[in-house]
Amino acid sequence: MLHITVEEIQRNISIYLQRVEAGETLVIVRAGQPLAEFKPIASGARQVRPFGLCTGEFTVPEDFDEPLPEEILTVFEGA
């Protein structure tokens, strides 16, 4: 994390914006006190997970679709 003064960022804003674009976080200071933090915005684009990522990791039991036993249902329902 780079600490820079208000005056320095005003003189070279494009250089510091390039550093932020590259993933660096900047702390702007005035009179030695932190004033603001410039950091990259997390990308909203999420990668799509490929199908079959966990192939062979587990097996679905035969009774997966069967109703739950009564004692488990009462615990879920809070009774």
N, C-alpha and C. Protein backbone atom coordinates (compact mmCIF):
# COMPACT_ATOMS: atom_id res chain seq x y z
N MET A 1 0.85 -1.16 0.00
CA MET A 1 0.00 0.00 0.00
C MET A 1 0.90 1.24 0.00
N LEU A 2 0.70 2.08 -0.99
CA LEU A 2 1.52 3.26 -1.16
C LEU A 2 0.84 4.47 -0.53
N HIS A 3 1.57 5.24 0.26
CA HIS A 3 1.06 6.48 0.85
C HIS A 3 1.60 7.65 0.03
N ILE A 4 0.68 8.49 -0.46
CA ILE A 4 1.09 9.67 -1.24
C ILE A 4 0.31 10.89 -0.75
N THR A 5 0.88 12.06 -0.99
CA THR A 5 0.24 13.29 -0.54
C THR A 5 -0.78 13.77 -1.57
N VAL A 6 -1.67 14.64 -1.12
CA VAL A 6 -2.68 15.23 -2.00
C VAL A 6 -2.00 15.96 -3.15
N GLU A 7 -0.95 16.70 -2.84
CA GLU A 7 -0.23 17.46 -3.87
C GLU A 7 0.38 16.54 -4.92
N GLU A 8 0.95 15.42 -4.47
CA GLU A 8 1.60 14.49 -5.39
C GLU A 8 0.58 13.85 -6.34
N ILE A 9 -0.57 13.49 -5.82
CA ILE A 9 -1.56 12.88 -6.70
C ILE A 9 -2.12 13.90 -7.68
N GLN A 10 -2.21 15.17 -7.26
CA GLN A 10 -2.68 16.22 -8.18
C GLN A 10 -1.69 16.42 -9.33
N ARG A 11 -0.41 16.30 -9.04
CA ARG A 11 0.61 16.50 -10.09
C ARG A 11 0.65 15.33 -11.07
N ASN A 12 0.45 14.13 -10.60
CA ASN A 12 0.64 12.93 -11.43
C ASN A 12 -0.54 11.98 -11.37
N ILE A 13 -1.74 12.49 -11.50
CA ILE A 13 -2.93 11.64 -11.34
C ILE A 13 -2.94 10.47 -12.30
N SER A 14 -2.53 10.67 -13.55
CA SER A 14 -2.60 9.57 -14.52
C SER A 14 -1.66 8.43 -14.15
N ILE A 15 -0.50 8.75 -13.62
CA ILE A 15 0.45 7.70 -13.20
C ILE A 15 -0.15 6.87 -12.06
N TYR A 16 -0.76 7.55 -11.10
CA TYR A 16 -1.32 6.84 -9.96
C TYR A 16 -2.58 6.05 -10.34
N LEU A 17 -3.36 6.57 -11.28
CA LEU A 17 -4.52 5.81 -11.74
C LEU A 17 -4.09 4.53 -12.46
N GLN A 18 -2.99 4.59 -13.18
CA GLN A 18 -2.46 3.39 -13.83
C GLN A 18 -2.05 2.36 -12.78
N ARG A 19 -1.47 2.82 -11.69
CA ARG A 19 -1.07 1.89 -10.62
C ARG A 19 -2.29 1.24 -9.97
N VAL A 20 -3.36 2.01 -9.80
CA VAL A 20 -4.59 1.46 -9.25
C VAL A 20 -5.18 0.45 -10.21
N GLU A 21 -5.18 0.77 -11.51
CA GLU A 21 -5.67 -0.17 -12.52
C GLU A 21 -4.89 -1.48 -12.49
N ALA A 22 -3.61 -1.39 -12.15
CA ALA A 22 -2.76 -2.58 -12.08
C ALA A 22 -2.99 -3.38 -10.80
N GLY A 23 -3.86 -2.87 -9.90
CA GLY A 23 -4.22 -3.64 -8.71
C GLY A 23 -3.67 -3.08 -7.40
N GLU A 24 -2.97 -1.97 -7.45
CA GLU A 24 -2.37 -1.41 -6.24
C GLU A 24 -3.36 -0.53 -5.50
N THR A 25 -3.26 -0.49 -4.18
CA THR A 25 -4.07 0.39 -3.35
C THR A 25 -3.22 1.58 -2.91
N LEU A 26 -3.78 2.78 -3.04
CA LEU A 26 -3.07 4.00 -2.66
C LEU A 26 -3.79 4.66 -1.49
N VAL A 27 -3.02 5.16 -0.52
CA VAL A 27 -3.59 5.92 0.59
C VAL A 27 -3.15 7.36 0.40
N ILE A 28 -4.13 8.27 0.31
CA ILE A 28 -3.85 9.69 0.15
C ILE A 28 -3.76 10.30 1.55
N VAL A 29 -2.67 11.02 1.81
CA VAL A 29 -2.47 11.63 3.13
C VAL A 29 -2.37 13.15 3.02
N ARG A 30 -2.86 13.80 4.07
CA ARG A 30 -2.72 15.26 4.19
C ARG A 30 -2.21 15.53 5.59
N ALA A 31 -1.11 16.24 5.68
CA ALA A 31 -0.48 16.55 6.96
C ALA A 31 -0.18 15.27 7.74
N GLY A 32 0.21 14.22 7.02
CA GLY A 32 0.59 12.97 7.66
C GLY A 32 -0.57 12.09 8.08
N GLN A 33 -1.80 12.55 7.87
CA GLN A 33 -2.98 11.79 8.28
C GLN A 33 -3.67 11.18 7.05
N PRO A 34 -4.04 9.90 7.11
CA PRO A 34 -4.76 9.29 5.98
C PRO A 34 -6.07 10.03 5.71
N LEU A 35 -6.31 10.29 4.44
CA LEU A 35 -7.49 11.05 4.04
C LEU A 35 -8.44 10.21 3.19
N ALA A 36 -7.86 9.44 2.28
CA ALA A 36 -8.67 8.62 1.37
C ALA A 36 -7.87 7.42 0.93
N GLU A 37 -8.59 6.45 0.41
CA GLU A 37 -7.95 5.25 -0.10
C GLU A 37 -8.45 5.01 -1.52
N PHE A 38 -7.53 4.88 -2.46
CA PHE A 38 -7.88 4.53 -3.85
C PHE A 38 -7.52 3.08 -4.05
N LYS A 39 -8.51 2.30 -4.47
CA LYS A 39 -8.23 0.90 -4.75
C LYS A 39 -9.08 0.46 -5.92
N PRO A 40 -8.65 -0.59 -6.60
CA PRO A 40 -9.42 -1.05 -7.75
C PRO A 40 -10.80 -1.55 -7.33
N ILE A 41 -11.76 -1.38 -8.22
CA ILE A 41 -13.10 -1.89 -7.98
C ILE A 41 -13.11 -3.35 -8.40
N ALA A 42 -13.66 -4.19 -7.55
CA ALA A 42 -13.75 -5.61 -7.88
C ALA A 42 -14.61 -5.78 -9.11
N SER A 43 -14.14 -6.55 -10.02
CA SER A 43 -14.86 -6.78 -11.27
C SER A 43 -16.17 -7.49 -11.00
N GLY A 44 -17.23 -7.02 -11.62
CA GLY A 44 -18.54 -7.63 -11.46
C GLY A 44 -18.69 -8.90 -12.29
N ALA A 45 -17.80 -9.07 -13.25
CA ALA A 45 -17.88 -10.25 -14.11
C ALA A 45 -17.38 -11.48 -13.34
N ARG A 46 -18.24 -12.46 -13.25
CA ARG A 46 -17.86 -13.69 -12.57
C ARG A 46 -17.63 -14.77 -13.60
N GLN A 47 -16.63 -15.57 -13.37
CA GLN A 47 -16.37 -16.68 -14.27
C GLN A 47 -17.40 -17.77 -14.04
N VAL A 48 -17.87 -18.35 -15.13
CA VAL A 48 -18.82 -19.44 -15.05
C VAL A 48 -18.07 -20.71 -14.68
N ARG A 49 -18.59 -21.40 -13.68
CA ARG A 49 -17.95 -22.66 -13.25
C ARG A 49 -18.25 -23.73 -14.28
N PRO A 50 -17.25 -24.50 -14.64
CA PRO A 50 -17.49 -25.57 -15.62
C PRO A 50 -18.29 -26.71 -14.99
N PHE A 51 -19.08 -27.39 -15.84
CA PHE A 51 -19.84 -28.55 -15.38
C PHE A 51 -18.88 -29.69 -15.07
N GLY A 52 -19.25 -30.52 -14.13
CA GLY A 52 -18.45 -31.70 -13.82
C GLY A 52 -17.24 -31.41 -12.97
N LEU A 53 -17.22 -30.29 -12.28
CA LEU A 53 -16.07 -29.91 -11.48
C LEU A 53 -15.79 -30.93 -10.36
N CYS A 54 -16.84 -31.53 -9.83
CA CYS A 54 -16.68 -32.48 -8.72
C CYS A 54 -16.96 -33.91 -9.14
N THR A 55 -16.83 -34.19 -10.41
CA THR A 55 -17.10 -35.54 -10.89
C THR A 55 -16.26 -36.56 -10.12
N GLY A 56 -16.95 -37.57 -9.58
CA GLY A 56 -16.26 -38.63 -8.86
C GLY A 56 -15.96 -38.30 -7.41
N GLU A 57 -16.26 -37.10 -6.94
CA GLU A 57 -15.97 -36.69 -5.57
C GLU A 57 -16.97 -37.27 -4.57
N PHE A 58 -18.21 -37.48 -5.00
CA PHE A 58 -19.23 -38.02 -4.11
C PHE A 58 -20.29 -38.72 -4.95
N THR A 59 -21.12 -39.49 -4.29
CA THR A 59 -22.24 -40.16 -4.97
C THR A 59 -23.52 -39.77 -4.26
N VAL A 60 -24.56 -39.61 -5.04
CA VAL A 60 -25.87 -39.28 -4.48
C VAL A 60 -26.52 -40.57 -4.02
N PRO A 61 -26.97 -40.64 -2.76
CA PRO A 61 -27.58 -41.88 -2.26
C PRO A 61 -28.89 -42.17 -2.99
N GLU A 62 -29.26 -43.45 -3.03
CA GLU A 62 -30.48 -43.89 -3.71
C GLU A 62 -31.73 -43.26 -3.09
N ASP A 63 -31.71 -43.04 -1.76
CA ASP A 63 -32.90 -42.51 -1.08
C ASP A 63 -32.91 -40.98 -1.00
N PHE A 64 -32.19 -40.32 -1.88
CA PHE A 64 -32.08 -38.86 -1.87
C PHE A 64 -33.43 -38.16 -1.92
N ASP A 65 -34.34 -38.67 -2.73
CA ASP A 65 -35.65 -38.04 -2.93
C ASP A 65 -36.71 -38.51 -1.94
N GLU A 66 -36.37 -39.42 -1.06
CA GLU A 66 -37.35 -39.95 -0.10
C GLU A 66 -37.66 -38.89 0.97
N PRO A 67 -38.87 -38.95 1.54
CA PRO A 67 -39.19 -38.01 2.62
C PRO A 67 -38.26 -38.21 3.82
N LEU A 68 -38.02 -37.16 4.56
CA LEU A 68 -37.15 -37.23 5.73
C LEU A 68 -37.86 -37.98 6.86
N PRO A 69 -37.08 -38.64 7.71
CA PRO A 69 -37.69 -39.29 8.88
C PRO A 69 -38.37 -38.26 9.80
N GLU A 70 -39.37 -38.69 10.52
CA GLU A 70 -40.16 -37.81 11.37
C GLU A 70 -39.32 -37.06 12.40
N GLU A 71 -38.32 -37.75 13.01
CA GLU A 71 -37.50 -37.08 14.05
C GLU A 71 -36.66 -35.93 13.45
N ILE A 72 -36.22 -36.06 12.22
CA ILE A 72 -35.46 -34.98 11.58
C ILE A 72 -36.39 -33.84 11.21
N LEU A 73 -37.58 -34.13 10.71
CA LEU A 73 -38.55 -33.09 10.37
C LEU A 73 -38.92 -32.24 11.59
N THR A 74 -39.10 -32.87 12.75
CA THR A 74 -39.44 -32.10 13.95
C THR A 74 -38.32 -31.17 14.36
N VAL A 75 -37.06 -31.59 14.15
CA VAL A 75 -35.94 -30.71 14.48
C VAL A 75 -35.93 -29.51 13.54
N PHE A 76 -36.17 -29.72 12.25
CA PHE A 76 -36.19 -28.62 11.29
C PHE A 76 -37.35 -27.66 11.57
N GLU A 77 -38.49 -28.21 11.98
CA GLU A 77 -39.67 -27.40 12.21
C GLU A 77 -39.65 -26.73 13.58
N GLY A 78 -38.68 -27.06 14.40
CA GLY A 78 -38.56 -26.42 15.70
C GLY A 78 -39.53 -26.92 16.73
N ALA A 79 -40.09 -28.07 16.54
CA ALA A 79 -41.10 -28.60 17.50
C ALA A 79 -40.43 -29.36 18.61
